[in-house]
Amino acid sequence: MDYRMLGDSDCPLVEIVLREGETIRVERGAMAYMSDVEIEGRLNSKKSGIGGLFGAIGRSLTSGESMFITEAVGQRNGAVIGIAPAIPGKVVALEVGGHKQYRLNTAAYLASDESVDYVMKKQDIGKALFGGTGGLFVMETEGEGEVLVSAFGDLLELEVSDERPLVIDNEHVVAWDSNLSYHLEIASGTFGFTTGEGIVNRFNGSGKVYIQTRNLHSLADAIRVFIPTQSGN
């Protein structure tokens, strides 16, 4: 994928240059502009027909992603498409292929090469009940190429090792190496009542975790008190 970041580092836009006939997948609604590119919305499923429809519905229900995904095809060499995530924050490219795959939290996916896809991996019941992002399933990449992921705020890369496991607030987790083991648990007390923390993700093994520096739910809670509400009248 031939791309460059435009704008500032806080709110970038990704401009992708396509060859004639080259296809990429883009999150639905992410296109900002394009030239010599044809876009088409397709069901977010590998299957066709009624099986593809139910597959797309299943993906949407289990992952929180849209039933549809946009395919952008270059109509000539040098075609361009600009894409931007819905939430302000950094965008990074992750290389996937072979044994190097990632699991993604809800809303992390922005775009990918046509050769990269994702499948839904079932979580155990404990993770499903406490997760809040992904529910019974999480997204795992497959194939080979690049996938663009977006964050709310900056995006940091953290190393996990056998000697240094990490505990991360689940709302800050964007993506992680698929070979890492992880466990969702309550941070402390009764759902973090005394510390203000909620569900955390405990990572073990050897690999990388990508986190976002801001928490969308915390922002929503902070501004909720300033939103007018209807009076009883």
Protein backbone atom coordinates (compact mmCIF):
# COMPACT_ATOMS: atom_id res chain seq x y z
CA MET A 1 0.00 0.00 0.00
CA ASP A 2 1.53 3.32 -1.14
CA TYR A 3 0.34 6.01 1.25
CA ARG A 4 1.33 9.20 3.03
CA MET A 5 -0.02 11.02 6.07
CA LEU A 6 -1.37 14.54 5.50
CA GLY A 7 -2.30 17.18 8.07
CA ASP A 8 -0.97 17.31 11.61
CA SER A 9 -0.09 14.29 13.72
CA ASP A 10 -3.16 14.72 15.93
CA CYS A 11 -5.76 14.57 13.15
CA PRO A 12 -4.11 13.06 10.07
CA LEU A 13 -5.69 12.15 6.77
CA VAL A 14 -4.24 9.23 4.82
CA GLU A 15 -3.73 9.67 1.08
CA ILE A 16 -3.32 6.35 -0.71
CA VAL A 17 -1.95 6.11 -4.26
CA LEU A 18 -3.29 3.20 -6.32
CA ARG A 19 -2.12 1.51 -9.48
CA GLU A 20 -4.61 0.71 -12.23
CA GLY A 21 -6.70 -2.21 -11.03
CA GLU A 22 -5.27 -2.14 -7.50
CA THR A 23 -7.92 -2.66 -4.82
CA ILE A 24 -7.92 -1.75 -1.15
CA ARG A 25 -10.54 -2.19 1.56
CA VAL A 26 -11.66 0.89 3.48
CA GLU A 27 -13.88 1.30 6.53
CA ARG A 28 -17.37 2.41 5.50
CA GLY A 29 -17.72 6.22 5.41
CA ALA A 30 -13.97 6.92 5.70
CA MET A 31 -13.48 8.38 2.17
CA ALA A 32 -12.71 12.13 2.21
CA TYR A 33 -11.79 12.62 -1.48
CA MET A 34 -10.66 10.62 -4.49
CA SER A 35 -9.42 10.98 -8.05
CA ASP A 36 -9.58 8.22 -10.70
CA VAL A 37 -10.86 5.80 -8.07
CA GLU A 38 -14.07 3.80 -8.16
CA ILE A 39 -15.61 2.83 -4.84
CA GLU A 40 -18.23 0.21 -4.19
CA GLY A 41 -19.88 -0.93 -0.98
CA ARG A 42 -19.81 -4.68 -0.44
CA LEU A 43 -21.08 -6.98 2.26
CA ASN A 44 -18.42 -7.45 4.92
CA SER A 45 -18.14 -11.18 4.28
CA LYS A 46 -16.04 -13.62 2.29
CA LYS A 47 -19.14 -15.46 1.09
CA SER A 48 -21.65 -14.43 -1.56
CA GLY A 49 -25.42 -14.70 -1.78
CA ILE A 50 -27.55 -15.45 1.27
CA GLY A 51 -24.55 -16.96 3.06
CA GLY A 52 -22.65 -13.71 2.60
CA LEU A 53 -25.60 -11.70 3.93
CA PHE A 54 -25.84 -13.77 7.10
CA GLY A 55 -22.06 -13.71 7.42
CA ALA A 56 -22.03 -9.90 7.24
CA ILE A 57 -24.85 -9.67 9.78
CA GLY A 58 -22.95 -12.01 12.07
CA ARG A 59 -19.77 -9.96 11.77
CA SER A 60 -21.67 -6.79 12.54
CA LEU A 61 -23.37 -8.26 15.61
CA THR A 62 -20.21 -9.85 17.01
CA SER A 63 -17.64 -7.16 16.24
CA GLY A 64 -19.57 -3.89 16.27
CA GLU A 65 -18.32 -3.18 12.74
CA SER A 66 -20.56 -2.24 9.81
CA MET A 67 -22.26 -4.91 7.71
CA PHE A 68 -20.65 -3.24 4.70
CA ILE A 69 -17.10 -2.40 3.73
CA THR A 70 -15.91 -0.15 0.91
CA GLU A 71 -13.66 -1.42 -1.86
CA ALA A 72 -11.67 1.25 -3.71
CA VAL A 73 -10.21 0.38 -7.12
CA GLY A 74 -7.67 2.48 -9.02
CA GLN A 75 -8.83 3.35 -12.54
CA ARG A 76 -5.33 4.32 -13.70
CA ASN A 77 -1.80 4.46 -12.33
CA GLY A 78 -1.47 7.31 -9.85
CA ALA A 79 -5.11 7.28 -8.74
CA VAL A 80 -5.55 8.68 -5.22
CA ILE A 81 -8.03 8.33 -2.38
CA GLY A 82 -7.95 10.26 0.88
CA ILE A 83 -9.42 8.55 3.94
CA ALA A 84 -9.92 9.70 7.53
CA PRO A 85 -11.16 7.96 10.69
CA ALA A 86 -14.31 9.15 12.41
CA ILE A 87 -12.49 9.94 15.66
CA PRO A 88 -9.53 12.37 15.84
CA GLY A 89 -6.25 10.63 16.50
CA LYS A 90 -3.18 8.98 15.08
CA VAL A 91 -3.14 6.40 12.29
CA VAL A 92 -0.44 3.75 11.92
CA ALA A 93 0.23 0.88 9.52
CA LEU A 94 0.79 -2.63 10.84
CA GLU A 95 2.60 -5.24 8.74
CA VAL A 96 0.88 -8.62 8.80
CA GLY A 97 1.83 -11.92 7.24
CA GLY A 98 2.55 -15.51 8.19
CA HIS A 99 2.73 -15.87 11.95
CA LYS A 100 2.63 -12.08 12.46
CA GLN A 101 -1.04 -11.26 12.91
CA TYR A 102 -2.92 -8.86 15.18
CA ARG A 103 -6.14 -8.75 17.11
CA LEU A 104 -8.05 -5.47 16.88
CA ASN A 105 -10.48 -3.80 19.24
CA THR A 106 -13.74 -2.33 17.98
CA ALA A 107 -13.39 0.67 15.64
CA ALA A 108 -9.60 0.23 15.25
CA TYR A 109 -9.75 -0.91 11.60
CA LEU A 110 -9.43 1.84 8.97
CA ALA A 111 -8.14 0.24 5.74
CA SER A 112 -6.04 -2.60 4.39
CA ASP A 113 -4.57 -4.16 1.29
CA GLU A 114 -6.96 -6.44 -0.58
CA SER A 115 -4.75 -9.34 0.50
CA VAL A 116 -5.50 -8.65 4.19
CA ASP A 117 -8.74 -9.71 5.81
CA TYR A 118 -9.93 -10.39 9.33
CA VAL A 119 -11.80 -13.19 10.98
CA MET A 120 -13.78 -13.27 14.19
CA LYS A 121 -12.16 -15.20 17.06
CA LYS A 122 -14.36 -16.41 19.87
CA GLN A 123 -13.46 -15.30 23.38
CA ASP A 124 -14.11 -17.26 26.55
CA ILE A 125 -17.23 -16.34 28.48
CA GLY A 126 -15.33 -14.29 31.07
CA LYS A 127 -13.80 -12.05 28.40
CA ALA A 128 -17.16 -11.73 26.67
CA LEU A 129 -18.98 -10.63 29.79
CA PHE A 130 -16.39 -8.05 30.84
CA GLY A 131 -14.97 -6.91 27.50
CA GLY A 132 -17.35 -4.21 26.38
CA THR A 133 -15.50 -4.02 23.04
CA GLY A 134 -15.94 -7.06 20.87
CA GLY A 135 -18.24 -9.08 23.12
CA LEU A 136 -18.06 -12.81 22.39
CA PHE A 137 -15.66 -12.22 19.50
CA VAL A 138 -12.64 -10.09 18.61
CA MET A 139 -11.19 -9.33 15.17
CA GLU A 140 -7.99 -11.10 14.09
CA THR A 141 -6.15 -10.24 10.88
CA GLU A 142 -5.15 -12.83 8.32
CA GLY A 143 -3.33 -12.75 5.00
CA GLU A 144 -0.28 -10.70 4.13
CA GLY A 145 0.17 -6.95 3.61
CA GLU A 146 -0.60 -3.79 5.57
CA VAL A 147 -3.55 -2.78 7.71
CA LEU A 148 -4.15 0.80 8.84
CA VAL A 149 -5.48 1.22 12.37
CA SER A 150 -6.66 4.41 14.05
CA ALA A 151 -6.63 5.60 17.64
CA PHE A 152 -8.28 8.27 19.74
CA GLY A 153 -5.36 10.57 20.55
CA ASP A 154 -1.81 9.36 20.05
CA LEU A 155 -0.93 5.70 19.51
CA LEU A 156 1.85 4.12 21.55
CA GLU A 157 3.64 0.80 21.12
CA LEU A 158 4.28 -1.18 24.31
CA GLU A 159 6.39 -4.33 24.69
CA VAL A 160 5.16 -7.33 26.65
CA SER A 161 7.58 -10.01 27.79
CA ASP A 162 7.56 -12.99 30.12
CA GLU A 163 9.47 -10.87 32.63
CA ARG A 164 7.24 -7.82 32.11
CA PRO A 165 3.53 -8.57 31.69
CA LEU A 166 1.30 -5.54 31.25
CA VAL A 167 -2.07 -4.51 32.67
CA ILE A 168 -3.87 -2.02 30.39
CA ASP A 169 -7.25 -0.34 30.66
CA ASN A 170 -9.40 -2.11 28.08
CA GLU A 171 -10.68 1.19 26.67
CA HIS A 172 -7.11 2.15 25.74
CA VAL A 173 -6.25 -1.09 23.90
CA VAL A 174 -6.24 -0.73 20.10
CA ALA A 175 -4.39 -3.80 18.77
CA TRP A 176 -2.10 -6.55 20.02
CA ASP A 177 -0.01 -9.45 18.72
CA SER A 178 -2.31 -12.42 18.25
CA ASN A 179 0.17 -14.74 20.00
CA LEU A 180 -0.18 -12.85 23.30
CA SER A 181 -2.38 -14.37 25.97
CA TYR A 182 -4.74 -11.97 27.71
CA HIS A 183 -7.29 -11.94 30.47
CA LEU A 184 -9.97 -9.35 31.18
CA GLU A 185 -10.59 -8.58 34.84
CA ILE A 186 -11.85 -5.89 37.21
CA ALA A 187 -9.11 -3.43 38.14
CA SER A 188 -9.93 -3.26 41.85
CA GLY A 189 -12.76 -3.19 44.33
CA THR A 190 -16.32 -3.36 43.09
CA PHE A 191 -15.92 -2.61 39.38
CA GLY A 192 -13.17 -0.11 40.24
CA PHE A 193 -15.50 2.01 42.37
CA THR A 194 -12.73 3.18 44.73
CA THR A 195 -10.04 3.82 42.11
CA GLY A 196 -12.20 5.00 39.21
CA GLU A 197 -10.81 2.21 37.02
CA GLY A 198 -13.01 -0.41 35.40
CA ILE A 199 -12.08 -3.37 33.21
CA VAL A 200 -8.39 -4.00 32.54
CA ASN A 201 -6.67 -6.33 30.13
CA ARG A 202 -3.77 -8.37 31.50
CA PHE A 203 -1.32 -9.38 28.75
CA ASN A 204 1.24 -12.18 29.10
CA GLY A 205 3.78 -13.67 26.72
CA SER A 206 6.06 -11.93 24.25
CA GLY A 207 4.84 -9.33 21.78
CA LYS A 208 3.48 -5.82 21.26
CA VAL A 209 0.36 -3.98 22.32
CA TYR A 210 -0.77 -0.71 20.72
CA ILE A 211 -2.68 1.66 22.98
CA GLN A 212 -4.46 4.96 22.45
CA THR A 213 -3.66 7.83 24.81
CA ARG A 214 -7.28 8.94 25.18
CA ASN A 215 -10.44 7.15 26.29
CA LEU A 216 -13.61 7.97 24.33
CA HIS A 217 -15.94 6.84 27.11
CA SER A 218 -14.12 9.05 29.63
CA LEU A 219 -14.53 12.01 27.27
CA ALA A 220 -18.23 11.27 26.89
CA ASP A 221 -18.61 11.14 30.69
CA ALA A 222 -16.73 14.44 31.06
CA ILE A 223 -18.94 16.38 28.64
CA ARG A 224 -22.25 14.73 29.59
CA VAL A 225 -22.77 17.15 32.48
CA PHE A 226 -22.67 20.07 30.02
CA ILE A 227 -25.32 18.66 27.67
CA PRO A 228 -28.76 20.23 28.24
CA THR A 229 -31.53 17.83 29.12
CA GLN A 230 -35.26 18.16 28.57
CA SER A 231 -37.19 19.53 31.51
CA GLY A 232 -40.22 17.80 32.90
CA ASN A 233 -42.36 20.31 31.04
